[in-house]
Amino acid sequence: MLRLIMVAAALSCWAASAEAAVKTKVIEYKQGDAVLEGYLAWDDAKTGKRPGVLVVHEWTGLGPYVKKRAEMLAKLGYVAFAADIYGKGVRPATPADAARVAAIYKDDRPLMRARARAGLEVLKGQKFVDRHRLAAIGYCFGGTTVLELARDGADLKGVVSFHGGLATPKPEDAKNIKAKVLALQGADDPFVKADERAAFKQELSAAKVDWQFITYANAVHSFTNPDAGNDNSKGAAYNEKADKRSWEAMKQFFAEIFTQAPAR
């Protein structure tokens, strides 16, 4: 009996250790003269190289929400790096501030692309990352950013935009896209209207991009973020069903683009 108890205790400790295997690290890096501060997450219990996923934040900047998403990706077996598009310490505290800062990059797509590229280089430099199996995901502003990164010809297997803006000032750049594209949108999102969706699909089809577009019923903008509240009339609200379905869609997409899903 004592031996059984000891074995059970050892197994319990091992399980707790495995659960706590996700490690994180803040990484300071630069794009030009700008100092940026990203967030790396990986499963320290795993060995060998594995796919890397770049994660780009919403218009409020790199905060707890996108860090949690990076950790969730690490639990799935990926190395995730949450990039900092705005710069170290630039974390808008109000919607007005967020709109102002986001506009800097929306109005300067080369700068947006350069900041995303800088984050991708950090991800590629991690010792456990398979540089031939890379993807990028983004939320809202971040969704727009990863689509611009793809249009810039980044060497990615896939990009996933969660309730991101789809429009671009240079739709002809879709010819540079090497990645497969998955766009996940709320059916009732008032910020991404029907004409923008139609233009996006036409843009990718004309460039012969391998794309998927999924819309979720009764979902508006920011449907993956619990902090968005639950009032659809405000245009941005959390939708638990759409959140879970979109995450599963991403996982299936990764299993396809990376050929083999990571061990669970």
Protein backbone atom coordinates (compact mmCIF):
# COMPACT_ATOMS: atom_id res chain seq x y z
CA MET A 1 0.00 0.00 0.00
CA LEU A 2 2.80 2.40 0.90
CA ARG A 3 4.43 1.73 -2.46
CA LEU A 4 1.16 2.51 -4.26
CA ILE A 5 0.83 5.75 -2.34
CA MET A 6 4.39 6.73 -3.25
CA VAL A 7 3.81 5.95 -6.91
CA ALA A 8 0.57 7.97 -6.91
CA ALA A 9 2.35 10.89 -5.28
CA ALA A 10 5.13 10.74 -7.85
CA LEU A 11 2.64 10.68 -10.70
CA SER A 12 0.81 13.62 -9.17
CA CYS A 13 4.04 15.61 -8.96
CA TRP A 14 4.91 14.70 -12.54
CA ALA A 15 1.49 15.85 -13.76
CA ALA A 16 1.83 19.14 -11.89
CA SER A 17 5.27 19.62 -13.38
CA ALA A 18 3.99 18.91 -16.88
CA GLU A 19 1.15 21.39 -16.39
CA ALA A 20 3.66 24.02 -15.32
CA ALA A 21 6.02 23.36 -18.24
CA VAL A 22 5.02 26.51 -20.14
CA LYS A 23 7.75 29.11 -19.71
CA THR A 24 7.62 32.78 -20.65
CA LYS A 25 10.17 35.49 -21.20
CA VAL A 26 10.08 39.19 -22.02
CA ILE A 27 12.38 39.98 -24.94
CA GLU A 28 13.58 43.47 -25.82
CA TYR A 29 14.43 44.01 -29.48
CA LYS A 30 14.58 46.79 -32.05
CA GLN A 31 13.18 47.85 -35.40
CA GLY A 32 15.32 50.66 -36.70
CA ASP A 33 15.79 53.00 -33.75
CA ALA A 34 12.57 51.92 -32.03
CA VAL A 35 12.88 49.76 -28.92
CA LEU A 36 10.23 47.04 -28.76
CA GLU A 37 9.33 44.58 -26.02
CA GLY A 38 7.75 41.22 -26.92
CA TYR A 39 6.64 38.16 -24.98
CA LEU A 40 7.86 34.62 -25.68
CA ALA A 41 6.04 31.46 -24.53
CA TRP A 42 7.12 27.85 -24.98
CA ASP A 43 6.74 24.42 -23.42
CA ASP A 44 9.99 23.65 -21.63
CA ALA A 45 9.09 19.97 -21.24
CA LYS A 46 9.32 19.41 -24.98
CA THR A 47 12.53 18.79 -26.86
CA GLY A 48 13.50 19.40 -30.44
CA LYS A 49 12.37 22.00 -32.91
CA ARG A 50 8.70 22.84 -33.38
CA PRO A 51 6.55 25.31 -35.35
CA GLY A 52 6.68 28.94 -34.36
CA VAL A 53 3.69 31.28 -34.23
CA LEU A 54 3.89 35.07 -34.25
CA VAL A 55 1.02 36.70 -32.32
CA VAL A 56 0.02 40.33 -32.87
CA HIS A 57 -1.98 42.33 -30.36
CA GLU A 58 -5.18 44.36 -30.60
CA TRP A 59 -5.23 48.16 -30.78
CA THR A 60 -4.56 48.46 -27.03
CA GLY A 61 -1.05 47.07 -27.51
CA LEU A 62 0.72 44.07 -26.06
CA GLY A 63 -1.12 43.26 -22.83
CA PRO A 64 -2.51 40.37 -20.75
CA TYR A 65 -4.96 39.18 -23.41
CA VAL A 66 -2.44 38.51 -26.17
CA LYS A 67 0.07 37.13 -23.65
CA LYS A 68 -2.57 34.59 -22.60
CA ARG A 69 -3.05 33.60 -26.24
CA ALA A 70 0.70 33.07 -26.60
CA GLU A 71 0.66 30.81 -23.55
CA MET A 72 -2.29 28.87 -24.96
CA LEU A 73 -0.31 28.29 -28.15
CA ALA A 74 2.66 27.11 -26.09
CA LYS A 75 0.42 24.56 -24.38
CA LEU A 76 -0.48 23.23 -27.82
CA GLY A 77 3.20 22.60 -28.49
CA TYR A 78 4.16 25.71 -30.46
CA VAL A 79 6.73 28.38 -29.68
CA ALA A 80 4.75 31.64 -29.61
CA PHE A 81 6.11 35.16 -29.73
CA ALA A 82 3.77 38.06 -29.04
CA ALA A 83 5.25 40.92 -31.03
CA ASP A 84 5.20 44.55 -29.97
CA ILE A 85 4.12 46.77 -32.86
CA TYR A 86 3.80 50.02 -30.88
CA GLY A 87 7.08 50.09 -28.96
CA LYS A 88 8.25 49.50 -25.40
CA GLY A 89 5.95 51.15 -22.88
CA VAL A 90 3.42 52.30 -25.49
CA ARG A 91 0.23 50.76 -24.13
CA PRO A 92 -2.84 52.94 -24.81
CA ALA A 93 -5.12 53.19 -21.77
CA THR A 94 -8.26 54.54 -23.42
CA PRO A 95 -10.12 53.83 -26.67
CA ALA A 96 -9.24 57.33 -27.90
CA ASP A 97 -5.55 56.73 -27.26
CA ALA A 98 -5.74 53.29 -28.86
CA ALA A 99 -7.39 54.72 -31.97
CA ARG A 100 -4.73 57.41 -32.23
CA VAL A 101 -1.79 55.01 -31.90
CA ALA A 102 -3.30 52.34 -34.17
CA ALA A 103 -3.88 54.99 -36.84
CA ILE A 104 -0.14 55.64 -37.05
CA TYR A 105 0.37 52.14 -38.41
CA LYS A 106 -2.85 51.86 -40.39
CA ASP A 107 -1.78 55.02 -42.24
CA ASP A 108 1.77 53.76 -42.69
CA ARG A 109 1.57 50.15 -43.88
CA PRO A 110 5.32 49.90 -44.64
CA LEU A 111 6.00 50.71 -40.97
CA MET A 112 3.35 48.23 -39.84
CA ARG A 113 4.97 45.55 -42.00
CA ALA A 114 8.45 46.42 -40.75
CA ARG A 115 7.39 46.11 -37.11
CA ALA A 116 5.78 42.73 -37.83
CA ARG A 117 8.89 41.60 -39.70
CA ALA A 118 11.05 42.54 -36.70
CA GLY A 119 8.90 40.35 -34.46
CA LEU A 120 9.07 37.48 -36.93
CA GLU A 121 12.87 37.67 -36.92
CA VAL A 122 12.89 37.33 -33.13
CA LEU A 123 10.67 34.26 -33.39
CA LYS A 124 12.87 32.71 -36.08
CA GLY A 125 15.91 33.21 -33.85
CA GLN A 126 14.61 31.03 -31.01
CA LYS A 127 16.56 27.78 -30.72
CA PHE A 128 13.50 25.50 -30.57
CA VAL A 129 11.76 27.05 -33.59
CA ASP A 130 11.62 25.23 -36.91
CA ARG A 131 12.25 28.15 -39.28
CA HIS A 132 10.52 26.26 -42.08
CA ARG A 133 7.24 25.99 -40.16
CA LEU A 134 6.07 29.46 -39.21
CA ALA A 135 2.66 31.09 -38.92
CA ALA A 136 1.23 34.39 -37.68
CA ILE A 137 -2.06 35.17 -35.97
CA GLY A 138 -3.54 38.50 -34.94
CA TYR A 139 -6.54 40.01 -33.19
CA CYS A 140 -8.39 43.11 -34.48
CA PHE A 141 -5.51 45.50 -35.27
CA GLY A 142 -3.28 42.45 -35.10
CA GLY A 143 -5.38 40.67 -37.71
CA THR A 144 -4.81 43.58 -40.07
CA THR A 145 -1.10 43.44 -39.27
CA VAL A 146 -0.57 39.75 -40.01
CA LEU A 147 -2.43 40.13 -43.31
CA GLU A 148 -0.06 42.97 -44.20
CA LEU A 149 2.87 40.77 -43.21
CA ALA A 150 1.59 38.13 -45.62
CA ARG A 151 1.14 40.73 -48.38
CA ASP A 152 4.75 41.72 -47.76
CA GLY A 153 5.82 38.25 -48.87
CA ALA A 154 6.86 36.89 -45.47
CA ASP A 155 7.91 33.25 -45.55
CA LEU A 156 4.97 31.87 -43.58
CA LYS A 157 2.98 28.67 -43.91
CA GLY A 158 -0.19 30.42 -42.83
CA VAL A 159 -1.78 33.51 -41.30
CA VAL A 160 -4.94 33.72 -39.20
CA SER A 161 -6.86 36.94 -38.70
CA PHE A 162 -9.35 37.02 -35.81
CA HIS A 163 -11.91 39.82 -36.35
CA GLY A 164 -9.28 41.90 -38.13
CA GLY A 165 -9.60 44.71 -40.62
CA LEU A 166 -9.32 43.29 -44.14
CA ALA A 167 -8.77 46.36 -46.30
CA THR A 168 -5.37 47.39 -47.59
CA PRO A 169 -4.18 50.40 -49.62
CA LYS A 170 -2.24 48.06 -51.93
CA PRO A 171 -4.43 45.04 -52.79
CA GLU A 172 -2.09 44.27 -55.68
CA ASP A 173 0.45 43.13 -53.07
CA ALA A 174 -1.61 39.98 -52.61
CA LYS A 175 0.55 38.57 -55.41
CA ASN A 176 3.38 38.38 -52.84
CA ILE A 177 1.46 36.14 -50.43
CA LYS A 178 3.15 32.79 -49.83
CA ALA A 179 0.97 31.76 -46.90
CA LYS A 180 -2.41 30.11 -46.74
CA VAL A 181 -4.90 32.55 -45.23
CA LEU A 182 -7.68 32.00 -42.69
CA ALA A 183 -9.95 34.96 -41.88
CA LEU A 184 -12.37 34.57 -38.96
CA GLN A 185 -15.03 37.25 -38.76
CA GLY A 186 -18.19 38.06 -36.82
CA ALA A 187 -21.21 37.98 -39.13
CA ASP A 188 -22.54 41.18 -37.55
CA ASP A 189 -19.24 43.07 -37.22
CA PRO A 190 -20.14 46.72 -38.01
CA PHE A 191 -16.49 47.70 -38.48
CA VAL A 192 -15.81 45.25 -41.33
CA LYS A 193 -18.65 45.75 -43.75
CA ALA A 194 -19.84 43.57 -46.62
CA ASP A 195 -18.03 45.52 -49.33
CA GLU A 196 -14.73 45.20 -47.47
CA ARG A 197 -15.23 41.46 -47.11
CA ALA A 198 -16.10 41.09 -50.78
CA ALA A 199 -13.06 43.11 -51.87
CA PHE A 200 -10.80 41.00 -49.65
CA LYS A 201 -12.06 37.75 -51.14
CA GLN A 202 -11.67 39.13 -54.65
CA GLU A 203 -8.14 40.35 -53.86
CA LEU A 204 -7.01 36.93 -52.68
CA SER A 205 -8.79 35.03 -55.42
CA ALA A 206 -7.25 37.23 -58.12
CA ALA A 207 -3.81 36.47 -56.66
CA LYS A 208 -4.62 32.74 -56.51
CA VAL A 209 -4.08 32.63 -52.74
CA ASP A 210 -5.28 29.54 -50.85
CA TRP A 211 -7.79 31.22 -48.50
CA GLN A 212 -10.64 30.40 -46.13
CA PHE A 213 -13.19 32.83 -44.76
CA ILE A 214 -15.41 31.85 -41.83
CA THR A 215 -18.14 33.99 -40.32
CA TYR A 216 -19.81 33.38 -36.97
CA ALA A 217 -23.50 34.07 -36.39
CA ASN A 218 -24.51 36.70 -33.83
CA ALA A 219 -20.88 37.77 -33.41
CA VAL A 220 -19.58 41.32 -33.71
CA HIS A 221 -16.09 42.80 -33.42
CA SER A 222 -13.70 41.49 -30.70
CA PHE A 223 -15.73 38.30 -30.27
CA THR A 224 -12.73 36.42 -28.81
CA ASN A 225 -12.04 38.85 -25.96
CA PRO A 226 -14.03 38.51 -22.70
CA ASP A 227 -13.02 42.06 -21.77
CA ALA A 228 -15.18 43.33 -24.65
CA GLY A 229 -18.36 42.74 -22.62
CA ASN A 230 -21.53 41.14 -23.94
CA ASP A 231 -23.49 43.98 -25.51
CA ASN A 232 -23.54 43.45 -29.28
CA SER A 233 -25.17 46.85 -29.79
CA LYS A 234 -21.83 48.48 -28.98
CA GLY A 235 -20.28 46.83 -32.04
CA ALA A 236 -17.65 44.96 -30.02
CA ALA A 237 -18.58 42.15 -27.64
CA TYR A 238 -17.45 38.72 -26.50
CA ASN A 239 -19.14 35.64 -27.95
CA GLU A 240 -18.11 32.43 -26.19
CA LYS A 241 -19.33 30.12 -28.93
CA ALA A 242 -17.56 32.06 -31.69
CA ASP A 243 -14.43 32.29 -29.55
CA LYS A 244 -14.23 28.51 -29.09
CA ARG A 245 -15.16 27.73 -32.68
CA SER A 246 -12.58 30.13 -34.09
CA TRP A 247 -9.82 28.71 -31.87
CA GLU A 248 -10.70 25.21 -33.06
CA ALA A 249 -10.65 26.43 -36.67
CA MET A 250 -7.16 27.81 -36.09
CA LYS A 251 -5.98 24.50 -34.61
CA GLN A 252 -7.28 22.56 -37.59
CA PHE A 253 -5.66 25.07 -39.95
CA PHE A 254 -2.32 24.66 -38.17
CA ALA A 255 -2.60 20.87 -38.34
CA GLU A 256 -2.98 21.25 -42.11
CA ILE A 257 -0.24 23.80 -42.79
CA PHE A 258 2.29 22.18 -40.49
CA THR A 259 1.44 18.70 -41.88
CA GLN A 260 1.45 17.17 -38.45
CA ALA A 261 -0.12 18.66 -35.32
CA PRO A 262 2.14 18.84 -32.24
CA ALA A 263 1.84 16.10 -29.63
CA ARG A 264 -0.74 16.83 -26.94
